[in-house]
Amino acid sequence: MQGRLRSRELTFEEKLRALHWPFVLLVPMLAMIGYAVLYSAAGGAHEPWAWRHAVRFSVGFLVMLVIALVDIRFWFRWAYVIFAATLVLLVAVDVAGSFSKGAQRWLNLGFFQLQPSELAKVTLVMALARFLHAARLEDIARPVYLLMPLAMIGVPAALVLLQPDLGTAVMLVTVGGAMLFLGGVRWWKFLLAGGLVAASLPVLWANLRDYQRQRVLTFLDPERD
């Protein structure tokens, strides 16, 4: 896994040709289906949902293309910094975030609401990818070496859980754990971690909010919803 990114930087035309265009074009196709559903739900009107969906998708799609065309070495070089900035935003949410429906998950920037937990899903992958890129298999075999990636997973998950957003916290832990497994962490360590989590379930359950318990019960038994 250890190595350097040494390939030459592609030209703009080469980057365009290198994009996986069937996948790229699939995204607006799915967005069009979503637009049609929202248009129908509003009784054949573009407002209030379909038009907003189209504007937000257009901005997001443009951002996606710009990010895809940036040299991957830029993201590799700045992965830790971007991840650290995301943690700062998560702390800011817990300190001064806006409340909505009993949750504190957004930063009010005036012109739009920023939800840092969504950024965490991406920046955690970037940071872990850089960490694992430099790791050797003998390093990953040492439990002490795993303290850093575990902290990289646990800190944002804990900050998101405080908002509270159980679903996103579980997703961060799941994605981080999958990356560690693909990075070479032995399966028995996951079994050990799973045993510790199972032992702590009564405490976790006692501290869940009512709606979080309901979501878990509905997931286990969809017929009760």
C-alpha atoms as a PDB file:
ATOM      1  CA  MET A   1       0.000   0.000   0.000  1.00  0.00           C
ATOM      2  CA  GLN A   2       2.916   2.307   0.547  1.00  0.00           C
ATOM      3  CA  GLY A   3       3.920   4.415  -2.417  1.00  0.00           C
ATOM      4  CA  ARG A   4       3.879   7.793  -4.111  1.00  0.00           C
ATOM      5  CA  LEU A   5       1.637   9.398  -6.666  1.00  0.00           C
ATOM      6  CA  ARG A   6       4.100  10.202  -9.446  1.00  0.00           C
ATOM      7  CA  SER A   7       2.121  10.103 -12.687  1.00  0.00           C
ATOM      8  CA  ARG A   8       2.098  13.276 -14.752  1.00  0.00           C
ATOM      9  CA  GLU A   9      -0.850  15.597 -14.528  1.00  0.00           C
ATOM     10  CA  LEU A  10      -3.391  15.045 -17.288  1.00  0.00           C
ATOM     11  CA  THR A  11      -4.499  17.819 -19.566  1.00  0.00           C
ATOM     12  CA  PHE A  12      -8.077  19.117 -19.345  1.00  0.00           C
ATOM     13  CA  GLU A  13      -9.066  17.197 -22.488  1.00  0.00           C
ATOM     14  CA  GLU A  14      -7.513  13.987 -21.159  1.00  0.00           C
ATOM     15  CA  LYS A  15      -9.396  14.423 -17.874  1.00  0.00           C
ATOM     16  CA  LEU A  16     -12.672  14.803 -19.750  1.00  0.00           C
ATOM     17  CA  ARG A  17     -12.006  11.660 -21.762  1.00  0.00           C
ATOM     18  CA  ALA A  18     -11.005   9.759 -18.610  1.00  0.00           C
ATOM     19  CA  LEU A  19     -14.358  10.381 -16.909  1.00  0.00           C
ATOM     20  CA  HIS A  20     -16.673   7.398 -16.763  1.00  0.00           C
ATOM     21  CA  TRP A  21     -19.388   9.059 -18.817  1.00  0.00           C
ATOM     22  CA  PRO A  22     -22.050   6.314 -18.572  1.00  0.00           C
ATOM     23  CA  PHE A  23     -21.918   6.724 -14.796  1.00  0.00           C
ATOM     24  CA  VAL A  24     -21.827  10.529 -15.029  1.00  0.00           C
ATOM     25  CA  LEU A  25     -24.877  10.620 -17.299  1.00  0.00           C
ATOM     26  CA  LEU A  26     -26.730   8.190 -15.063  1.00  0.00           C
ATOM     27  CA  VAL A  27     -26.765  10.833 -12.314  1.00  0.00           C
ATOM     28  CA  PRO A  28     -28.899  13.416 -14.201  1.00  0.00           C
ATOM     29  CA  MET A  29     -31.157  10.605 -15.407  1.00  0.00           C
ATOM     30  CA  LEU A  30     -31.905   9.688 -11.796  1.00  0.00           C
ATOM     31  CA  ALA A  31     -32.387  13.375 -10.984  1.00  0.00           C
ATOM     32  CA  MET A  32     -34.939  13.652 -13.786  1.00  0.00           C
ATOM     33  CA  ILE A  33     -36.901  10.776 -12.277  1.00  0.00           C
ATOM     34  CA  GLY A  34     -36.825  12.574  -8.940  1.00  0.00           C
ATOM     35  CA  TYR A  35     -38.005  15.776 -10.619  1.00  0.00           C
ATOM     36  CA  ALA A  36     -40.924  13.938 -12.225  1.00  0.00           C
ATOM     37  CA  VAL A  37     -41.940  12.417  -8.884  1.00  0.00           C
ATOM     38  CA  LEU A  38     -41.853  15.809  -7.137  1.00  0.00           C
ATOM     39  CA  TYR A  39     -43.733  17.432 -10.031  1.00  0.00           C
ATOM     40  CA  SER A  40     -46.439  14.788  -9.750  1.00  0.00           C
ATOM     41  CA  ALA A  41     -46.590  15.063  -5.953  1.00  0.00           C
ATOM     42  CA  ALA A  42     -47.244  18.804  -6.291  1.00  0.00           C
ATOM     43  CA  GLY A  43     -50.233  18.140  -8.537  1.00  0.00           C
ATOM     44  CA  GLY A  44     -48.482  18.952 -11.804  1.00  0.00           C
ATOM     45  CA  ALA A  45     -46.707  22.081 -10.519  1.00  0.00           C
ATOM     46  CA  HIS A  46     -43.020  22.956 -10.578  1.00  0.00           C
ATOM     47  CA  GLU A  47     -43.325  24.691  -7.208  1.00  0.00           C
ATOM     48  CA  PRO A  48     -42.561  24.194  -4.391  1.00  0.00           C
ATOM     49  CA  TRP A  49     -40.416  21.054  -4.691  1.00  0.00           C
ATOM     50  CA  ALA A  50     -39.513  20.186  -8.287  1.00  0.00           C
ATOM     51  CA  TRP A  51     -37.927  23.526  -9.207  1.00  0.00           C
ATOM     52  CA  ARG A  52     -35.873  23.628  -5.997  1.00  0.00           C
ATOM     53  CA  HIS A  53     -34.758  20.075  -6.656  1.00  0.00           C
ATOM     54  CA  ALA A  54     -33.622  21.053 -10.165  1.00  0.00           C
ATOM     55  CA  VAL A  55     -31.646  24.087  -8.937  1.00  0.00           C
ATOM     56  CA  ARG A  56     -29.948  22.179  -6.140  1.00  0.00           C
ATOM     57  CA  PHE A  57     -29.128  19.263  -8.392  1.00  0.00           C
ATOM     58  CA  SER A  58     -27.654  21.552 -11.065  1.00  0.00           C
ATOM     59  CA  VAL A  59     -25.347  23.190  -8.532  1.00  0.00           C
ATOM     60  CA  GLY A  60     -24.352  19.849  -7.034  1.00  0.00           C
ATOM     61  CA  PHE A  61     -23.765  18.263 -10.431  1.00  0.00           C
ATOM     62  CA  LEU A  62     -21.514  21.148 -11.477  1.00  0.00           C
ATOM     63  CA  VAL A  63     -19.540  20.850  -8.232  1.00  0.00           C
ATOM     64  CA  MET A  64     -19.201  17.109  -8.823  1.00  0.00           C
ATOM     65  CA  LEU A  65     -17.735  17.655 -12.284  1.00  0.00           C
ATOM     66  CA  VAL A  66     -15.295  20.286 -11.036  1.00  0.00           C
ATOM     67  CA  ILE A  67     -14.092  17.999  -8.230  1.00  0.00           C
ATOM     68  CA  ALA A  68     -13.758  15.070 -10.647  1.00  0.00           C
ATOM     69  CA  LEU A  69     -11.518  17.149 -12.919  1.00  0.00           C
ATOM     70  CA  VAL A  70      -9.171  18.254 -10.133  1.00  0.00           C
ATOM     71  CA  ASP A  71      -5.922  16.281 -10.019  1.00  0.00           C
ATOM     72  CA  ILE A  72      -6.277  13.456  -7.505  1.00  0.00           C
ATOM     73  CA  ARG A  73      -2.896  14.418  -6.027  1.00  0.00           C
ATOM     74  CA  PHE A  74      -4.471  17.643  -4.792  1.00  0.00           C
ATOM     75  CA  TRP A  75      -7.056  15.713  -2.779  1.00  0.00           C
ATOM     76  CA  PHE A  76      -4.355  13.315  -1.548  1.00  0.00           C
ATOM     77  CA  ARG A  77      -2.132  16.194  -0.420  1.00  0.00           C
ATOM     78  CA  TRP A  78      -4.879  18.085   1.371  1.00  0.00           C
ATOM     79  CA  ALA A  79      -6.953  15.145   2.677  1.00  0.00           C
ATOM     80  CA  TYR A  80      -5.951  15.607   6.325  1.00  0.00           C
ATOM     81  CA  VAL A  81      -6.486  19.369   6.223  1.00  0.00           C
ATOM     82  CA  ILE A  82      -9.941  19.007   4.671  1.00  0.00           C
ATOM     83  CA  PHE A  83     -10.837  16.329   7.223  1.00  0.00           C
ATOM     84  CA  ALA A  84      -9.653  18.566  10.082  1.00  0.00           C
ATOM     85  CA  ALA A  85     -11.758  21.425   8.704  1.00  0.00           C
ATOM     86  CA  THR A  86     -14.777  19.109   8.702  1.00  0.00           C
ATOM     87  CA  LEU A  87     -14.184  18.284  12.369  1.00  0.00           C
ATOM     88  CA  VAL A  88     -14.083  22.006  13.151  1.00  0.00           C
ATOM     89  CA  LEU A  89     -17.425  22.417  11.373  1.00  0.00           C
ATOM     90  CA  LEU A  90     -18.906  19.505  13.340  1.00  0.00           C
ATOM     91  CA  VAL A  91     -17.800  21.121  16.597  1.00  0.00           C
ATOM     92  CA  ALA A  92     -19.291  24.420  15.398  1.00  0.00           C
ATOM     93  CA  VAL A  93     -22.613  22.670  14.814  1.00  0.00           C
ATOM     94  CA  ASP A  94     -22.654  21.307  18.367  1.00  0.00           C
ATOM     95  CA  VAL A  95     -21.783  24.766  19.728  1.00  0.00           C
ATOM     96  CA  ALA A  96     -23.746  27.159  17.542  1.00  0.00           C
ATOM     97  CA  GLY A  97     -25.774  25.089  15.080  1.00  0.00           C
ATOM     98  CA  SER A  98     -29.395  25.830  14.282  1.00  0.00           C
ATOM     99  CA  PHE A  99     -32.154  23.623  15.695  1.00  0.00           C
ATOM    100  CA  SER A 100     -34.859  21.987  13.615  1.00  0.00           C
ATOM    101  CA  LYS A 101     -37.280  19.284  14.756  1.00  0.00           C
ATOM    102  CA  GLY A 102     -35.282  18.590  17.905  1.00  0.00           C
ATOM    103  CA  ALA A 103     -31.937  18.198  16.113  1.00  0.00           C
ATOM    104  CA  GLN A 104     -28.930  20.485  15.855  1.00  0.00           C
ATOM    105  CA  ARG A 105     -27.372  19.493  12.538  1.00  0.00           C
ATOM    106  CA  TRP A 106     -26.992  22.643  10.439  1.00  0.00           C
ATOM    107  CA  LEU A 107     -24.877  25.774  10.273  1.00  0.00           C
ATOM    108  CA  ASN A 108     -26.861  28.791   9.103  1.00  0.00           C
ATOM    109  CA  LEU A 109     -24.627  30.628   6.628  1.00  0.00           C
ATOM    110  CA  GLY A 110     -27.347  33.051   5.646  1.00  0.00           C
ATOM    111  CA  PHE A 111     -27.678  32.055   2.004  1.00  0.00           C
ATOM    112  CA  PHE A 112     -27.982  28.325   2.759  1.00  0.00           C
ATOM    113  CA  GLN A 113     -27.887  25.734   5.536  1.00  0.00           C
ATOM    114  CA  LEU A 114     -24.677  23.686   5.703  1.00  0.00           C
ATOM    115  CA  GLN A 115     -24.820  20.167   7.153  1.00  0.00           C
ATOM    116  CA  PRO A 116     -21.207  19.200   8.010  1.00  0.00           C
ATOM    117  CA  SER A 117     -22.154  15.593   8.750  1.00  0.00           C
ATOM    118  CA  GLU A 118     -22.702  15.140   5.004  1.00  0.00           C
ATOM    119  CA  LEU A 119     -19.189  16.443   4.346  1.00  0.00           C
ATOM    120  CA  ALA A 120     -17.847  14.021   6.957  1.00  0.00           C
ATOM    121  CA  LYS A 121     -19.027  11.053   4.880  1.00  0.00           C
ATOM    122  CA  VAL A 122     -16.644  12.109   2.107  1.00  0.00           C
ATOM    123  CA  THR A 123     -13.732  13.630   4.020  1.00  0.00           C
ATOM    124  CA  LEU A 124     -13.462  10.606   6.339  1.00  0.00           C
ATOM    125  CA  VAL A 125     -12.958   8.375   3.302  1.00  0.00           C
ATOM    126  CA  MET A 126     -10.317  10.777   1.947  1.00  0.00           C
ATOM    127  CA  ALA A 127      -8.381  10.911   5.223  1.00  0.00           C
ATOM    128  CA  LEU A 128      -8.504   7.154   5.815  1.00  0.00           C
ATOM    129  CA  ALA A 129      -7.458   6.512   2.219  1.00  0.00           C
ATOM    130  CA  ARG A 130      -4.363   8.667   2.684  1.00  0.00           C
ATOM    131  CA  PHE A 131      -3.540   6.999   5.998  1.00  0.00           C
ATOM    132  CA  LEU A 132      -3.904   3.478   4.592  1.00  0.00           C
ATOM    133  CA  HIS A 133      -1.973   4.422   1.451  1.00  0.00           C
ATOM    134  CA  ALA A 134       1.131   4.956   3.563  1.00  0.00           C
ATOM    135  CA  ALA A 135       0.554   1.921   5.807  1.00  0.00           C
ATOM    136  CA  ARG A 136       2.437  -1.340   5.557  1.00  0.00           C
ATOM    137  CA  LEU A 137       0.813  -4.671   6.340  1.00  0.00           C
ATOM    138  CA  GLU A 138       3.120  -5.158   9.322  1.00  0.00           C
ATOM    139  CA  ASP A 139       1.997  -1.765  10.638  1.00  0.00           C
ATOM    140  CA  ILE A 140      -1.669  -2.647  10.322  1.00  0.00           C
ATOM    141  CA  ALA A 141      -1.014  -5.886  12.207  1.00  0.00           C
ATOM    142  CA  ARG A 142      -0.018  -3.850  15.293  1.00  0.00           C
ATOM    143  CA  PRO A 143      -3.067  -2.863  17.418  1.00  0.00           C
ATOM    144  CA  VAL A 144      -1.382   0.386  18.539  1.00  0.00           C
ATOM    145  CA  TYR A 145      -1.070   1.492  14.924  1.00  0.00           C
ATOM    146  CA  LEU A 146      -4.854   1.308  14.573  1.00  0.00           C
ATOM    147  CA  LEU A 147      -5.484   3.877  17.306  1.00  0.00           C
ATOM    148  CA  MET A 148      -5.147   6.764  14.846  1.00  0.00           C
ATOM    149  CA  PRO A 149      -7.631   5.476  12.223  1.00  0.00           C
ATOM    150  CA  LEU A 150     -10.012   4.450  15.007  1.00  0.00           C
ATOM    151  CA  ALA A 151      -9.852   7.999  16.361  1.00  0.00           C
ATOM    152  CA  MET A 152     -10.413   9.337  12.843  1.00  0.00           C
ATOM    153  CA  ILE A 153     -13.620   7.290  12.723  1.00  0.00           C
ATOM    154  CA  GLY A 154     -14.729   7.694  16.322  1.00  0.00           C
ATOM    155  CA  VAL A 155     -14.352  11.473  16.716  1.00  0.00           C
ATOM    156  CA  PRO A 156     -16.638  12.538  13.841  1.00  0.00           C
ATOM    157  CA  ALA A 157     -19.088   9.730  14.675  1.00  0.00           C
ATOM    158  CA  ALA A 158     -19.299  10.950  18.289  1.00  0.00           C
ATOM    159  CA  LEU A 159     -19.759  14.578  17.209  1.00  0.00           C
ATOM    160  CA  VAL A 160     -22.534  13.562  14.820  1.00  0.00           C
ATOM    161  CA  LEU A 161     -24.163  11.433  17.520  1.00  0.00           C
ATOM    162  CA  LEU A 162     -24.376  14.499  19.757  1.00  0.00           C
ATOM    163  CA  GLN A 163     -26.524  16.362  17.192  1.00  0.00           C
ATOM    164  CA  PRO A 164     -28.229  13.762  17.450  1.00  0.00           C
ATOM    165  CA  ASP A 165     -27.970  11.851  14.163  1.00  0.00           C
ATOM    166  CA  LEU A 166     -27.707   8.139  14.871  1.00  0.00           C
ATOM    167  CA  GLY A 167     -28.088   7.079  11.235  1.00  0.00           C
ATOM    168  CA  THR A 168     -25.150   9.145   9.975  1.00  0.00           C
ATOM    169  CA  ALA A 169     -22.991   8.125  12.949  1.00  0.00           C
ATOM    170  CA  VAL A 170     -23.617   4.448  12.184  1.00  0.00           C
ATOM    171  CA  MET A 171     -22.828   5.089   8.516  1.00  0.00           C
ATOM    172  CA  LEU A 172     -19.494   6.726   9.385  1.00  0.00           C
ATOM    173  CA  VAL A 173     -18.519   3.777  11.583  1.00  0.00           C
ATOM    174  CA  THR A 174     -19.622   1.274   8.937  1.00  0.00           C
ATOM    175  CA  VAL A 175     -17.758   2.986   6.093  1.00  0.00           C
ATOM    176  CA  GLY A 176     -14.657   3.459   8.227  1.00  0.00           C
ATOM    177  CA  GLY A 177     -14.720  -0.158   9.343  1.00  0.00           C
ATOM    178  CA  ALA A 178     -15.100  -1.360   5.749  1.00  0.00           C
ATOM    179  CA  MET A 179     -12.064   0.691   4.713  1.00  0.00           C
ATOM    180  CA  LEU A 180      -9.982  -0.755   7.548  1.00  0.00           C
ATOM    181  CA  PHE A 181     -11.026  -4.279   6.550  1.00  0.00           C
ATOM    182  CA  LEU A 182     -10.091  -3.638   2.913  1.00  0.00           C
ATOM    183  CA  GLY A 183      -6.866  -2.063   4.151  1.00  0.00           C
ATOM    184  CA  GLY A 184      -5.784  -5.353   5.723  1.00  0.00           C
ATOM    185  CA  VAL A 185      -7.113  -5.371   9.293  1.00  0.00           C
ATOM    186  CA  ARG A 186      -7.698  -8.977  10.362  1.00  0.00           C
ATOM    187  CA  TRP A 187     -11.271 -10.195  10.736  1.00  0.00           C
ATOM    188  CA  TRP A 188     -10.810 -11.341  14.345  1.00  0.00           C
ATOM    189  CA  LYS A 189     -10.265  -7.722  15.394  1.00  0.00           C
ATOM    190  CA  PHE A 190     -13.663  -6.842  13.982  1.00  0.00           C
ATOM    191  CA  LEU A 191     -15.189  -9.747  15.904  1.00  0.00           C
ATOM    192  CA  LEU A 192     -13.573  -8.405  19.074  1.00  0.00           C
ATOM    193  CA  ALA A 193     -14.899  -4.913  18.380  1.00  0.00           C
ATOM    194  CA  GLY A 194     -18.325  -6.357  17.630  1.00  0.00           C
ATOM    195  CA  GLY A 195     -18.301  -8.201  20.949  1.00  0.00           C
ATOM    196  CA  LEU A 196     -17.498  -4.987  22.798  1.00  0.00           C
ATOM    197  CA  VAL A 197     -20.307  -3.181  21.009  1.00  0.00           C
ATOM    198  CA  ALA A 198     -22.740  -6.014  21.776  1.00  0.00           C
ATOM    199  CA  ALA A 199     -21.778  -5.868  25.463  1.00  0.00           C
ATOM    200  CA  SER A 200     -22.485  -2.135  25.519  1.00  0.00           C
ATOM    201  CA  LEU A 201     -25.864  -2.370  23.751  1.00  0.00           C
ATOM    202  CA  PRO A 202     -27.962  -2.151  26.952  1.00  0.00           C
ATOM    203  CA  VAL A 203     -26.250   1.117  27.878  1.00  0.00           C
ATOM    204  CA  LEU A 204     -26.570   2.476  24.346  1.00  0.00           C
ATOM    205  CA  TRP A 205     -30.245   1.519  24.158  1.00  0.00           C
ATOM    206  CA  ALA A 206     -30.984   3.231  27.482  1.00  0.00           C
ATOM    207  CA  ASN A 207     -29.485   6.472  26.145  1.00  0.00           C
ATOM    208  CA  LEU A 208     -31.281   6.498  22.808  1.00  0.00           C
ATOM    209  CA  ARG A 209     -34.054   8.995  22.203  1.00  0.00           C
ATOM    210  CA  ASP A 210     -37.564   7.706  21.620  1.00  0.00           C
ATOM    211  CA  TYR A 211     -37.522   8.353  17.864  1.00  0.00           C
ATOM    212  CA  GLN A 212     -34.142   6.616  17.556  1.00  0.00           C
ATOM    213  CA  ARG A 213     -35.505   3.545  19.348  1.00  0.00           C
ATOM    214  CA  GLN A 214     -38.509   3.594  17.043  1.00  0.00           C
ATOM    215  CA  ARG A 215     -36.254   3.651  13.984  1.00  0.00           C
ATOM    216  CA  VAL A 216     -34.297   0.663  15.246  1.00  0.00           C
ATOM    217  CA  LEU A 217     -37.479  -1.281  16.020  1.00  0.00           C
ATOM    218  CA  THR A 218     -38.935  -0.412  12.605  1.00  0.00           C
ATOM    219  CA  PHE A 219     -35.734  -1.579  10.911  1.00  0.00           C
ATOM    220  CA  LEU A 220     -35.913  -4.899  12.773  1.00  0.00           C
ATOM    221  CA  ASP A 221     -39.666  -5.261  12.196  1.00  0.00           C
ATOM    222  CA  PRO A 222     -40.918  -3.138   9.245  1.00  0.00           C
ATOM    223  CA  GLU A 223     -44.500  -4.311   9.832  1.00  0.00           C
ATOM    224  CA  ARG A 224     -44.711  -2.317  13.064  1.00  0.00           C
ATOM    225  CA  ASP A 225     -44.361   1.005  11.211  1.00  0.00           C
END
